Every structure is written in C-alpha cells, then in structure tokens.
Amino acid sequence: MAEIGFDDFLKVDIRVGTVIGAEPYPEARNPSYKLFVDFGPEIGERKTAAQLTDHYTPEDLVGRQVAAVINFPAKQIGKFMSEILVLGFPDDSGAVVLIEPNRPVPNGGRLF
C-alpha cells in the first residue's frame, strides 16, 4: 500500500453519528440494510446501504453510534442513493464488524 501524507488523511472526513433508522434492503445484490444516521445539527441526517446482516439486526443498529466517511460523493446502490460509508473491519469470515466509540460522544464529532 502506498504511503500517504498527513494532508491526505485530513481530506477524509470521518465523523460519528447515531443510527436512527435501519431497515432491510431486499433489492440489494448482497444482503444489506438501509441505515439512516444522525450526525448532529451541523451535518444532519445521512443515509447508506450497508452489508451488516451477519452480525446485526435492524433493532441492534438503532441507537448505536457508528463511524462513517461523510465526504465521498453520493453513490447509487440499486434504487437507493448512498450518501456515506459506514466503517467496519472484517471478522474471520469476512463479515463486517462496525467501528464504534467505546463511550458516548456527541454526534458529528470528527475522528482525529
């Protein structure tokens, strides 16, 4: 992987938000949920489709704080427009495990 400078890192806007809605997305090519995430009054609510069905139910996701890249351009995923990229790591089988703060933090906080 290529080395980057600190200025490159600063270009990626990673924020914390709280999932306020989650629902199945049966039209997706791979099992996914539609997520609606609140990033606080300055950024507002954003939505995404995420392949989280191996470890999470929609009920598990609502109220959970997540980290997401908020400054990628919107991307059409089937009939759904994804506005953010929720971040996670793969487990031993490749299923996504979400990144989340280990204590509550204000929505909209930027990763540093």
C-alpha atoms as a PDB file:
ATOM      1  CA  MET A   1       0.000   0.000   0.000  1.00  0.00           C
ATOM      2  CA  ALA A   2       1.277   3.466  -0.852  1.00  0.00           C
ATOM      3  CA  GLU A   3       2.341   5.787   1.935  1.00  0.00           C
ATOM      4  CA  ILE A   4       0.277   8.974   2.316  1.00  0.00           C
ATOM      5  CA  GLY A   5       0.962  12.292   3.950  1.00  0.00           C
ATOM      6  CA  PHE A   6      -0.976  13.769   6.861  1.00  0.00           C
ATOM      7  CA  ASP A   7      -2.657  16.231   4.485  1.00  0.00           C
ATOM      8  CA  ASP A   8      -4.084  13.242   2.581  1.00  0.00           C
ATOM      9  CA  PHE A   9      -5.551  11.865   5.816  1.00  0.00           C
ATOM     10  CA  LEU A  10      -7.168  15.241   6.568  1.00  0.00           C
ATOM     11  CA  LYS A  11      -9.069  15.056   3.270  1.00  0.00           C
ATOM     12  CA  VAL A  12     -11.083  12.082   4.578  1.00  0.00           C
ATOM     13  CA  ASP A  13     -13.868  13.418   6.805  1.00  0.00           C
ATOM     14  CA  ILE A  14     -14.720  10.636   9.291  1.00  0.00           C
ATOM     15  CA  ARG A  15     -17.489  11.528  11.747  1.00  0.00           C
ATOM     16  CA  VAL A  16     -19.515   9.797  14.419  1.00  0.00           C
ATOM     17  CA  GLY A  17     -23.280   9.546  14.189  1.00  0.00           C
ATOM     18  CA  THR A  18     -26.149   7.662  15.763  1.00  0.00           C
ATOM     19  CA  VAL A  19     -28.230   5.215  13.751  1.00  0.00           C
ATOM     20  CA  ILE A  20     -31.817   6.487  13.953  1.00  0.00           C
ATOM     21  CA  GLY A  21     -33.330   4.039  11.497  1.00  0.00           C
ATOM     22  CA  ALA A  22     -32.460   0.678   9.953  1.00  0.00           C
ATOM     23  CA  GLU A  23     -34.474  -1.485   7.612  1.00  0.00           C
ATOM     24  CA  PRO A  24     -33.889  -4.460   5.345  1.00  0.00           C
ATOM     25  CA  TYR A  25     -32.883  -3.686   1.762  1.00  0.00           C
ATOM     26  CA  PRO A  26     -34.139  -6.790  -0.079  1.00  0.00           C
ATOM     27  CA  GLU A  27     -33.469  -5.294  -3.535  1.00  0.00           C
ATOM     28  CA  ALA A  28     -29.694  -5.132  -2.878  1.00  0.00           C
ATOM     29  CA  ARG A  29     -27.434  -7.601  -4.687  1.00  0.00           C
ATOM     30  CA  ASN A  30     -25.942  -8.755  -1.350  1.00  0.00           C
ATOM     31  CA  PRO A  31     -27.883  -8.914   1.941  1.00  0.00           C
ATOM     32  CA  SER A  32     -27.940  -5.343   3.250  1.00  0.00           C
ATOM     33  CA  TYR A  33     -29.733  -2.803   5.382  1.00  0.00           C
ATOM     34  CA  LYS A  34     -30.682   0.783   4.682  1.00  0.00           C
ATOM     35  CA  LEU A  35     -29.267   2.901   7.513  1.00  0.00           C
ATOM     36  CA  PHE A  36     -30.281   6.415   8.487  1.00  0.00           C
ATOM     37  CA  VAL A  37     -27.643   8.135  10.624  1.00  0.00           C
ATOM     38  CA  ASP A  38     -27.881  11.407  12.584  1.00  0.00           C
ATOM     39  CA  PHE A  39     -24.641  13.408  12.568  1.00  0.00           C
ATOM     40  CA  GLY A  40     -25.987  16.280  14.665  1.00  0.00           C
ATOM     41  CA  PRO A  41     -27.370  19.704  13.750  1.00  0.00           C
ATOM     42  CA  GLU A  42     -24.387  20.879  11.697  1.00  0.00           C
ATOM     43  CA  ILE A  43     -24.352  17.897   9.291  1.00  0.00           C
ATOM     44  CA  GLY A  44     -27.824  16.423   9.742  1.00  0.00           C
ATOM     45  CA  GLU A  45     -29.115  13.014   8.731  1.00  0.00           C
ATOM     46  CA  ARG A  46     -27.438  10.925   6.033  1.00  0.00           C
ATOM     47  CA  LYS A  47     -28.313   7.510   4.617  1.00  0.00           C
ATOM     48  CA  THR A  48     -26.424   4.499   3.328  1.00  0.00           C
ATOM     49  CA  ALA A  49     -26.785   0.857   2.391  1.00  0.00           C
ATOM     50  CA  ALA A  50     -24.533  -1.478   4.360  1.00  0.00           C
ATOM     51  CA  GLN A  51     -23.834  -5.218   4.346  1.00  0.00           C
ATOM     52  CA  LEU A  52     -24.230  -5.766   8.084  1.00  0.00           C
ATOM     53  CA  THR A  53     -26.711  -8.633   8.173  1.00  0.00           C
ATOM     54  CA  ASP A  54     -24.280 -11.274   9.516  1.00  0.00           C
ATOM     55  CA  HIS A  55     -23.827  -9.659  12.933  1.00  0.00           C
ATOM     56  CA  TYR A  56     -26.642  -7.124  13.322  1.00  0.00           C
ATOM     57  CA  THR A  57     -30.419  -6.868  13.110  1.00  0.00           C
ATOM     58  CA  PRO A  58     -32.140  -3.555  12.395  1.00  0.00           C
ATOM     59  CA  GLU A  59     -33.121  -3.434  16.082  1.00  0.00           C
ATOM     60  CA  ASP A  60     -29.461  -3.903  17.117  1.00  0.00           C
ATOM     61  CA  LEU A  61     -28.402  -0.982  14.941  1.00  0.00           C
ATOM     62  CA  VAL A  62     -30.877   1.694  16.053  1.00  0.00           C
ATOM     63  CA  GLY A  63     -29.298   3.798  18.796  1.00  0.00           C
ATOM     64  CA  ARG A  64     -25.766   2.586  18.045  1.00  0.00           C
ATOM     65  CA  GLN A  65     -23.060   5.145  17.331  1.00  0.00           C
ATOM     66  CA  VAL A  66     -21.027   4.459  14.179  1.00  0.00           C
ATOM     67  CA  ALA A  67     -18.073   5.979  12.343  1.00  0.00           C
ATOM     68  CA  ALA A  68     -18.565   6.989   8.717  1.00  0.00           C
ATOM     69  CA  VAL A  69     -16.855   8.827   5.885  1.00  0.00           C
ATOM     70  CA  ILE A  70     -19.189  11.704   5.074  1.00  0.00           C
ATOM     71  CA  ASN A  71     -17.374  13.446   2.213  1.00  0.00           C
ATOM     72  CA  PHE A  72     -17.467  10.810  -0.537  1.00  0.00           C
ATOM     73  CA  PRO A  73     -19.805  11.665  -3.428  1.00  0.00           C
ATOM     74  CA  ALA A  74     -23.237  10.036  -3.219  1.00  0.00           C
ATOM     75  CA  LYS A  75     -23.418   6.628  -4.910  1.00  0.00           C
ATOM     76  CA  GLN A  76     -26.409   4.873  -6.418  1.00  0.00           C
ATOM     77  CA  ILE A  77     -26.812   1.377  -4.929  1.00  0.00           C
ATOM     78  CA  GLY A  78     -29.699  -0.204  -6.781  1.00  0.00           C
ATOM     79  CA  LYS A  79     -32.677   2.101  -6.301  1.00  0.00           C
ATOM     80  CA  PHE A  80     -31.142   3.678  -3.185  1.00  0.00           C
ATOM     81  CA  MET A  81     -28.766   6.664  -3.041  1.00  0.00           C
ATOM     82  CA  SER A  82     -25.981   6.094  -0.503  1.00  0.00           C
ATOM     83  CA  GLU A  83     -24.546   9.317   0.970  1.00  0.00           C
ATOM     84  CA  ILE A  84     -21.950   7.978   3.448  1.00  0.00           C
ATOM     85  CA  LEU A  85     -19.666   4.995   4.019  1.00  0.00           C
ATOM     86  CA  VAL A  86     -20.133   3.366   7.420  1.00  0.00           C
ATOM     87  CA  LEU A  87     -16.827   1.878   8.608  1.00  0.00           C
ATOM     88  CA  GLY A  88     -16.036  -1.563   9.958  1.00  0.00           C
ATOM     89  CA  PHE A  89     -13.476  -4.345   9.997  1.00  0.00           C
ATOM     90  CA  PRO A  90     -13.869  -7.886   8.639  1.00  0.00           C
ATOM     91  CA  ASP A  91     -14.143 -10.756  11.089  1.00  0.00           C
ATOM     92  CA  ASP A  92     -12.532 -14.160  10.409  1.00  0.00           C
ATOM     93  CA  SER A  93     -15.170 -14.962   7.775  1.00  0.00           C
ATOM     94  CA  GLY A  94     -15.149 -11.515   6.136  1.00  0.00           C
ATOM     95  CA  ALA A  95     -18.381 -10.231   7.718  1.00  0.00           C
ATOM     96  CA  VAL A  96     -18.389  -6.585   8.768  1.00  0.00           C
ATOM     97  CA  VAL A  97     -17.950  -5.619  12.433  1.00  0.00           C
ATOM     98  CA  LEU A  98     -18.735  -1.933  12.928  1.00  0.00           C
ATOM     99  CA  ILE A  99     -16.309   0.612  14.327  1.00  0.00           C
ATOM    100  CA  GLU A 100     -17.908   2.470  17.214  1.00  0.00           C
ATOM    101  CA  PRO A 101     -16.729   4.629  20.109  1.00  0.00           C
ATOM    102  CA  ASN A 102     -16.405   2.791  23.404  1.00  0.00           C
ATOM    103  CA  ARG A 103     -18.140   5.708  25.186  1.00  0.00           C
ATOM    104  CA  PRO A 104     -20.934   8.013  24.000  1.00  0.00           C
ATOM    105  CA  VAL A 105     -19.670  11.076  22.130  1.00  0.00           C
ATOM    106  CA  PRO A 106     -21.513  13.997  20.520  1.00  0.00           C
ATOM    107  CA  ASN A 107     -22.878  13.269  17.042  1.00  0.00           C
ATOM    108  CA  GLY A 108     -20.836  14.933  14.327  1.00  0.00           C
ATOM    109  CA  GLY A 109     -17.502  14.633  16.133  1.00  0.00           C
ATOM    110  CA  ARG A 110     -14.596  14.274  13.705  1.00  0.00           C
ATOM    111  CA  LEU A 111     -12.041  11.482  14.004  1.00  0.00           C
ATOM    112  CA  PHE A 112      -8.531  12.637  14.793  1.00  0.00           C
END
